[in-house]
Protein backbone atom coordinates (compact mmCIF):
# COMPACT_ATOMS: atom_id res chain seq x y z
CA MET A 1 73.33 1.74 -14.87
CA PRO A 2 73.14 -1.64 -16.66
CA TYR A 3 69.93 -2.10 -18.61
CA GLY A 4 68.90 -5.11 -16.52
CA CYS A 5 69.13 -3.12 -13.29
CA PHE A 6 67.21 -0.26 -14.84
CA SER A 7 64.52 -2.67 -15.99
CA LYS A 8 64.19 -4.18 -12.53
CA LEU A 9 64.03 -0.75 -10.91
CA SER A 10 61.30 0.32 -13.35
CA ARG A 11 59.25 -2.74 -12.54
CA MET A 12 59.68 -2.14 -8.82
CA LEU A 13 58.55 1.49 -9.17
CA ALA A 14 55.58 0.39 -11.26
CA VAL A 15 54.57 -2.15 -8.65
CA CYS A 16 54.89 0.44 -5.87
CA ALA A 17 52.87 2.94 -7.89
CA GLY A 18 50.19 0.32 -8.41
CA VAL A 19 50.05 -0.48 -4.71
CA PHE A 20 49.79 3.24 -3.93
CA ALA A 21 46.98 3.65 -6.44
CA ILE A 22 45.03 0.74 -4.96
CA ALA A 23 45.53 2.10 -1.45
CA SER A 24 44.32 5.52 -2.58
CA VAL A 25 41.18 4.04 -4.12
CA GLN A 26 40.50 2.01 -0.98
CA ALA A 27 41.00 5.06 1.21
CA ALA A 28 38.44 6.92 -0.89
CA ASP A 29 35.88 4.12 -0.85
CA PRO A 30 32.63 5.35 0.72
CA LEU A 31 31.24 3.84 3.88
CA LYS A 32 28.33 1.59 2.97
CA ALA A 33 25.24 2.10 5.15
CA GLY A 34 22.16 -0.12 4.87
CA PHE A 35 18.57 0.67 5.91
CA ILE A 36 15.75 -1.85 6.39
CA TYR A 37 12.17 -0.53 6.24
CA ILE A 38 8.94 -2.08 7.48
CA GLY A 39 6.82 -0.31 4.85
CA PRO A 40 7.11 1.51 1.55
CA THR A 41 9.07 4.75 1.35
CA GLY A 42 5.92 6.37 -0.01
CA ASP A 43 3.79 5.65 3.07
CA HIS A 44 4.13 9.32 4.15
CA GLY A 45 4.53 8.10 7.72
CA TRP A 46 7.12 6.10 9.64
CA THR A 47 9.09 4.67 6.72
CA TYR A 48 8.88 7.92 4.78
CA ALA A 49 10.37 9.76 7.77
CA HIS A 50 13.24 7.26 8.04
CA ASP A 51 13.94 7.62 4.34
CA VAL A 52 14.05 11.39 4.68
CA GLY A 53 16.67 10.74 7.39
CA ARG A 54 18.64 8.52 5.00
CA LYS A 55 18.57 11.26 2.38
CA ALA A 56 19.79 13.72 4.99
CA VAL A 57 22.86 11.49 5.38
CA GLU A 58 23.50 11.57 1.65
CA ALA A 59 23.08 15.34 1.58
CA LYS A 60 25.55 15.89 4.42
CA GLN A 61 28.08 13.14 3.73
CA GLY A 62 28.21 13.35 -0.05
CA ASP A 63 30.49 10.74 -1.61
CA LYS A 64 31.86 9.69 1.78
CA VAL A 65 28.81 7.46 2.31
CA LYS A 66 26.84 5.16 0.01
CA THR A 67 23.39 4.22 1.31
CA THR A 68 21.19 1.27 0.39
CA PHE A 69 17.64 0.59 1.53
CA VAL A 70 15.28 -2.38 1.37
CA GLU A 71 11.60 -1.56 1.84
CA ASN A 72 8.55 -3.66 2.74
CA VAL A 73 10.55 -6.17 4.81
CA PRO A 74 8.17 -8.22 7.01
CA GLU A 75 8.98 -8.80 10.67
CA THR A 76 9.49 -12.52 10.03
CA ALA A 77 12.41 -14.84 9.34
CA ASP A 78 12.84 -12.95 6.08
CA ALA A 79 14.17 -9.99 8.04
CA GLU A 80 17.15 -12.08 9.13
CA ARG A 81 17.90 -12.91 5.51
CA VAL A 82 17.82 -9.25 4.48
CA ILE A 83 20.03 -8.15 7.38
CA ARG A 84 22.57 -10.89 6.68
CA ASP A 85 22.58 -10.06 2.98
CA LEU A 86 23.43 -6.41 3.63
CA ALA A 87 26.19 -7.39 6.07
CA SER A 88 27.70 -9.91 3.64
CA LYS A 89 27.77 -7.24 0.90
CA GLY A 90 30.07 -5.02 2.95
CA HIS A 91 27.72 -2.61 4.64
CA LYS A 92 29.63 -1.39 7.70
CA VAL A 93 26.59 0.00 9.49
CA ILE A 94 23.04 -1.31 9.19
CA PHE A 95 19.90 0.35 10.55
CA ALA A 96 16.77 -1.74 11.11
CA THR A 97 13.80 0.54 11.59
CA SER A 98 11.10 -1.50 13.33
CA PHE A 99 10.68 -3.25 16.68
CA GLY A 100 10.01 -6.66 15.12
CA TYR A 101 13.51 -6.83 13.59
CA MET A 102 15.21 -6.95 16.99
CA ASN A 103 15.81 -10.68 17.43
CA ALA A 104 16.95 -11.15 13.83
CA MET A 105 19.38 -8.25 14.10
CA ASP A 106 20.71 -9.53 17.43
CA LYS A 107 21.44 -12.92 15.82
CA VAL A 108 23.14 -11.54 12.70
CA ALA A 109 25.20 -9.02 14.71
CA LYS A 110 26.93 -11.91 16.47
CA GLN A 111 27.89 -13.37 13.09
CA PHE A 112 29.41 -10.13 11.74
CA PRO A 113 31.43 -8.65 14.65
CA LYS A 114 33.12 -6.00 12.47
CA THR A 115 29.80 -4.52 11.31
CA VAL A 116 27.83 -2.00 13.38
CA PHE A 117 24.14 -2.79 13.77
CA MET A 118 21.58 -0.26 15.01
CA HIS A 119 18.03 -1.26 15.89
CA ALA A 120 15.16 1.22 16.22
CA THR A 121 12.78 1.02 19.23
CA GLY A 122 14.19 -2.21 20.63
CA TYR A 123 15.99 -3.05 23.87
CA LYS A 124 18.68 -5.63 23.07
CA THR A 125 22.28 -4.44 22.78
CA GLY A 126 25.67 -6.06 22.18
CA LYS A 127 29.31 -5.26 21.43
CA ASN A 128 28.37 -4.18 17.91
CA LEU A 129 24.61 -3.74 18.41
CA GLY A 130 23.10 -0.44 19.53
CA ILE A 131 19.53 0.82 19.84
CA TYR A 132 17.97 4.12 18.94
CA ASP A 133 14.57 5.78 19.13
CA VAL A 134 12.86 9.13 19.17
CA ARG A 135 10.52 10.35 21.90
CA THR A 136 7.38 10.22 19.79
CA TYR A 137 5.33 10.69 22.94
CA GLU A 138 6.54 14.29 23.10
CA GLY A 139 4.99 14.93 19.70
CA ALA A 140 1.81 13.10 20.73
CA TYR A 141 1.54 15.28 23.85
CA MET A 142 1.81 18.47 21.78
CA LEU A 143 -0.84 17.22 19.37
CA GLY A 144 -3.02 16.46 22.39
CA VAL A 145 -2.74 20.07 23.54
CA VAL A 146 -4.02 21.22 20.14
CA ALA A 147 -6.79 18.60 20.23
CA GLY A 148 -7.90 19.75 23.67
CA LYS A 149 -8.28 23.27 22.35
CA MET A 150 -9.99 22.36 19.08
CA SER A 151 -12.40 19.59 20.06
CA LYS A 152 -15.99 20.76 20.58
CA SER A 153 -17.25 17.45 21.94
CA GLY A 154 -14.23 16.58 24.10
CA GLN A 155 -14.29 13.15 22.46
CA LEU A 156 -11.04 12.22 20.75
CA GLY A 157 -10.09 9.17 18.72
CA VAL A 158 -6.86 7.31 18.05
CA VAL A 159 -6.22 4.75 15.34
CA GLY A 160 -3.65 2.46 16.94
CA SER A 161 -1.31 0.08 15.14
CA ILE A 162 0.05 -2.63 17.45
CA ALA A 163 -0.33 -2.65 21.23
CA ILE A 164 3.31 -2.32 22.24
CA PRO A 165 4.64 0.13 24.87
CA GLU A 166 5.68 2.68 22.26
CA VAL A 167 2.13 3.04 20.92
CA ILE A 168 0.42 2.86 24.32
CA ARG A 169 2.77 5.61 25.50
CA ASN A 170 1.79 7.82 22.57
CA ILE A 171 -1.94 7.33 23.17
CA ASN A 172 -1.44 8.22 26.82
CA ALA A 173 0.66 11.30 26.07
CA PHE A 174 -1.94 12.52 23.57
CA THR A 175 -4.65 12.15 26.20
CA ILE A 176 -2.56 13.85 28.90
CA GLY A 177 -1.96 16.78 26.56
CA ALA A 178 -5.66 17.10 25.76
CA ARG A 179 -6.72 16.86 29.41
CA SER A 180 -4.21 19.55 30.36
CA ILE A 181 -6.59 21.83 28.42
CA ASN A 182 -9.92 20.06 28.94
CA PRO A 183 -9.86 17.81 32.03
CA LYS A 184 -13.02 16.05 30.81
CA ALA A 185 -11.61 15.04 27.43
CA THR A 186 -11.73 11.31 26.64
CA THR A 187 -9.99 9.16 24.05
CA LYS A 188 -11.35 6.13 22.22
CA VAL A 189 -8.87 3.74 20.59
CA ILE A 190 -9.37 1.32 17.72
CA TRP A 191 -6.51 -1.07 16.98
CA VAL A 192 -5.86 -2.20 13.40
CA ASN A 193 -3.01 -4.58 14.32
CA SER A 194 -0.86 -3.36 11.46
CA TRP A 195 1.60 -0.54 10.88
CA PHE A 196 0.46 0.12 7.34
CA ASP A 197 -3.01 -0.85 6.13
CA PRO A 198 -4.83 2.13 4.60
CA GLY A 199 -8.09 0.22 4.30
CA LYS A 200 -8.22 -0.78 7.96
CA GLU A 201 -7.02 2.67 9.02
CA ARG A 202 -9.87 4.28 7.11
CA GLU A 203 -12.48 1.93 8.60
CA ALA A 204 -11.15 2.61 12.11
CA ALA A 205 -11.32 6.36 11.51
CA LEU A 206 -14.90 6.11 10.23
CA THR A 207 -15.91 4.10 13.29
CA LEU A 208 -14.36 6.62 15.69
CA ILE A 209 -16.11 9.48 13.91
CA SER A 210 -19.45 7.62 14.09
CA GLN A 211 -18.88 7.26 17.84
CA GLY A 212 -18.55 11.04 18.27
CA ALA A 213 -14.83 11.74 17.96
CA ASP A 214 -14.24 15.10 16.30
CA VAL A 215 -10.42 15.10 16.45
CA LEU A 216 -8.36 12.05 15.42
CA MET A 217 -4.78 11.05 16.00
CA GLN A 218 -3.08 8.00 14.55
CA ASN A 219 -0.11 5.80 15.31
CA THR A 220 -0.23 4.20 11.88
CA ASP A 221 1.79 4.96 8.78
CA SER A 222 -0.54 5.95 5.95
CA PRO A 223 -2.39 9.26 5.46
CA ALA A 224 -5.75 7.42 5.40
CA VAL A 225 -6.87 8.92 8.73
CA VAL A 226 -6.22 12.48 7.57
CA GLN A 227 -7.98 11.78 4.27
CA THR A 228 -11.00 10.33 6.08
CA ALA A 229 -11.13 13.24 8.53
CA GLN A 230 -11.21 15.70 5.63
CA GLU A 231 -13.96 13.74 3.93
CA LYS A 232 -16.10 13.71 7.08
CA GLY A 233 -15.42 17.27 8.21
CA VAL A 234 -13.46 16.54 11.40
CA TYR A 235 -9.87 17.26 12.40
CA ALA A 236 -6.76 15.09 12.41
CA PHE A 237 -2.96 15.32 12.58
CA GLY A 238 0.03 14.41 10.46
CA TRP A 239 1.96 11.63 12.17
CA ASP A 240 5.73 11.26 11.65
CA SER A 241 5.53 13.72 8.74
CA ASP A 242 3.42 16.50 7.25
CA MET A 243 0.29 14.92 5.71
CA SER A 244 -1.48 18.17 4.82
CA LYS A 245 -1.48 17.42 1.07
CA PHE A 246 -3.89 14.59 1.84
CA GLY A 247 -6.23 16.75 3.92
CA GLY A 248 -5.29 20.38 4.17
CA LYS A 249 -8.56 21.40 5.83
CA ALA A 250 -8.42 18.54 8.34
CA GLN A 251 -4.79 18.64 9.46
CA LEU A 252 -4.39 20.86 12.51
CA ALA A 253 -0.63 20.22 12.84
CA ALA A 254 1.89 17.43 12.41
CA SER A 255 4.30 15.66 14.70
CA VAL A 256 7.39 15.44 12.48
CA LEU A 257 10.39 13.18 13.13
CA ASN A 258 13.95 14.04 12.10
CA TRP A 259 15.84 10.74 12.02
CA GLY A 260 18.72 12.37 10.17
CA VAL A 261 19.98 13.78 13.47
CA ILE A 262 20.64 10.25 14.71
CA TYR A 263 21.79 8.75 11.42
CA ASN A 264 24.41 11.39 10.71
CA GLU A 265 25.77 11.25 14.26
CA GLN A 266 26.12 7.46 14.31
CA ILE A 267 27.61 7.21 10.82
CA GLU A 268 30.20 9.85 11.65
CA LYS A 269 31.20 7.87 14.73
CA VAL A 270 31.61 4.73 12.63
CA GLN A 271 33.73 6.67 10.13
CA LYS A 272 36.03 7.91 12.89
CA GLY A 273 36.26 4.52 14.58
CA GLU A 274 34.63 6.01 17.68
CA TRP A 275 31.35 4.06 17.67
CA LYS A 276 30.44 2.34 20.92
CA THR A 277 27.39 0.38 21.99
CA THR A 278 24.76 3.02 22.47
CA ASP A 279 21.20 3.56 23.63
CA ILE A 280 19.78 6.72 22.06
CA TRP A 281 16.37 8.22 22.83
CA ALA A 282 16.32 11.58 21.10
CA GLY A 283 13.54 14.11 21.45
CA VAL A 284 12.53 17.73 21.09
CA LYS A 285 15.72 19.02 22.72
CA ASP A 286 17.83 17.11 20.17
CA GLY A 287 15.89 18.37 17.18
CA ALA A 288 14.50 14.89 16.51
CA VAL A 289 10.82 15.70 17.22
CA ASN A 290 8.85 18.82 16.41
CA ILE A 291 5.29 20.08 16.01
CA GLU A 292 4.91 21.94 12.72
CA SER A 293 2.87 22.23 9.52
CA PHE A 294 -0.04 23.89 11.32
CA GLY A 295 -3.20 23.95 9.25
CA THR A 296 -5.34 26.87 8.19
CA ALA A 297 -8.01 25.80 10.69
CA THR A 298 -5.61 26.15 13.64
CA PRO A 299 -5.97 29.57 15.30
CA ALA A 300 -2.83 31.59 16.03
CA ASP A 301 -3.34 31.33 19.79
CA VAL A 302 -3.53 27.52 19.62
CA LYS A 303 -0.34 27.37 17.55
CA LYS A 304 1.35 29.70 20.04
CA LEU A 305 0.29 27.53 22.97
CA ALA A 306 1.57 24.34 21.31
CA GLU A 307 4.91 25.97 20.55
CA GLU A 308 5.17 27.22 24.13
CA ARG A 309 4.68 23.65 25.37
CA ARG A 310 7.30 22.46 22.88
CA ASP A 311 9.77 25.06 24.12
CA ALA A 312 9.08 24.04 27.71
CA ILE A 313 9.84 20.40 26.85
CA LYS A 314 13.02 21.48 25.08
CA ALA A 315 14.13 23.47 28.14
CA GLY A 316 13.44 20.54 30.48
CA LYS A 317 10.67 22.44 32.26
CA LEU A 318 7.85 20.13 31.14
CA HIS A 319 7.55 16.37 30.93
CA PRO A 320 4.26 14.84 29.76
CA PHE A 321 4.45 12.06 32.33
CA THR A 322 4.78 14.18 35.46
CA GLY A 323 2.36 13.37 38.28
CA PRO A 324 -0.14 13.23 39.64
CA LEU A 325 -1.26 10.67 37.07
CA LYS A 326 -3.60 7.71 37.42
CA ASP A 327 -4.30 4.82 35.11
CA ASN A 328 -7.83 4.51 33.79
CA ALA A 329 -8.73 2.10 36.59
CA GLY A 330 -8.00 4.80 39.18
CA LYS A 331 -4.67 3.40 40.37
CA GLU A 332 -1.84 5.86 40.96
CA LEU A 333 0.61 5.73 38.08
CA VAL A 334 2.85 8.69 38.98
CA ALA A 335 2.81 10.51 42.31
CA ALA A 336 2.46 14.28 42.47
CA GLY A 337 5.76 16.03 41.78
CA LYS A 338 7.34 12.86 40.36
CA THR A 339 8.19 12.06 36.73
CA LEU A 340 7.98 8.61 35.23
CA ALA A 341 11.48 7.28 34.58
CA ASP A 342 12.57 6.18 31.12
CA VAL A 343 12.78 2.57 32.23
CA ASP A 344 9.07 2.68 33.15
CA LEU A 345 8.08 4.67 30.07
CA ARG A 346 9.63 1.95 27.91
CA LYS A 347 7.47 -0.80 29.40
CA MET A 348 4.18 1.10 29.60
CA SER A 349 1.29 -1.33 29.40
CA VAL A 350 -1.78 0.47 30.79
CA TYR A 351 -3.92 3.39 29.71
CA VAL A 352 -3.95 6.64 31.66
CA GLU A 353 -7.09 8.21 33.03
CA GLY A 354 -9.22 9.48 30.17
CA VAL A 355 -8.51 6.65 27.74
CA GLU A 356 -11.50 4.35 27.41
CA GLY A 357 -11.33 0.57 27.48
CA SER A 358 -8.34 -1.64 28.20
CA VAL A 359 -5.11 -2.48 26.41
CA PRO A 360 -5.40 -5.60 24.23
CA LYS A 361 -3.59 -8.63 25.62
């Protein structure tokens, strides 16, 4: 073969080899997944639970997925900037973990049609925008069962974050669970109008205790309520995660969320090109909600009862919002033998019988 031909052939092979090498690298590139958090990963509540879910993705997917998270993102116009920044940097699936991110995510999703966007606790969907949530009310109901057994006064307290359906639903489920044990149990609620404000959470807990509550639940993100309960000699619960290290004598149990179940499933669908607009509401039966981390103060029979209720929920034999149920003004909310549909659960705006006061406007 003439030298010139050999030289050309060598160059052609080199070029082909280079193209193959680039293609191989590209094929091995990990899927980039972004997570946007409302609070700090160390809040030991909502954001902490989401970050545990993110780490579960890394543990299962290994080098097939590269995750990124941005914490302490306010539910303002800044959220749109953060979402757009992640999308522009090549993240192929982005999870926004708080209700207040919904409109920003909906807007950015339209601008990046090849990126999958998933929004937690919202209701807007699109061609590349899905929603996901966990049935936190199932955990609240189970905690209520324990509270009904453990309260001596029958007076319970809840430190509420923001008066949206999700939180109202949890307060109601907690009360329903407690009244399934003690029909005279009542729940007082103090709203702090924040997801994460340890100072306000502590003050709310102190006020509830001064008003006679001897068991507290929270729908806020810090362990301040459990810490305050321990200090004052009353009981409380871990919310979203185990908070016993902040009050081992006070914590009766914890409602623990497993977001990794959802994150791994959705990421695997994106990897396979099988993702479709979805509306996920995972619960006990999916392994996304559980009652665990029972405290030393919780008797064995109370733990057994709570786990029996959990197993009944898992088997579809028990639903916290099965009638007869009334709101706290005496109006029928759910007729006897009926169960409140998901569409109605998602827009809950009134307290059930047993919760004192009225929902803030």
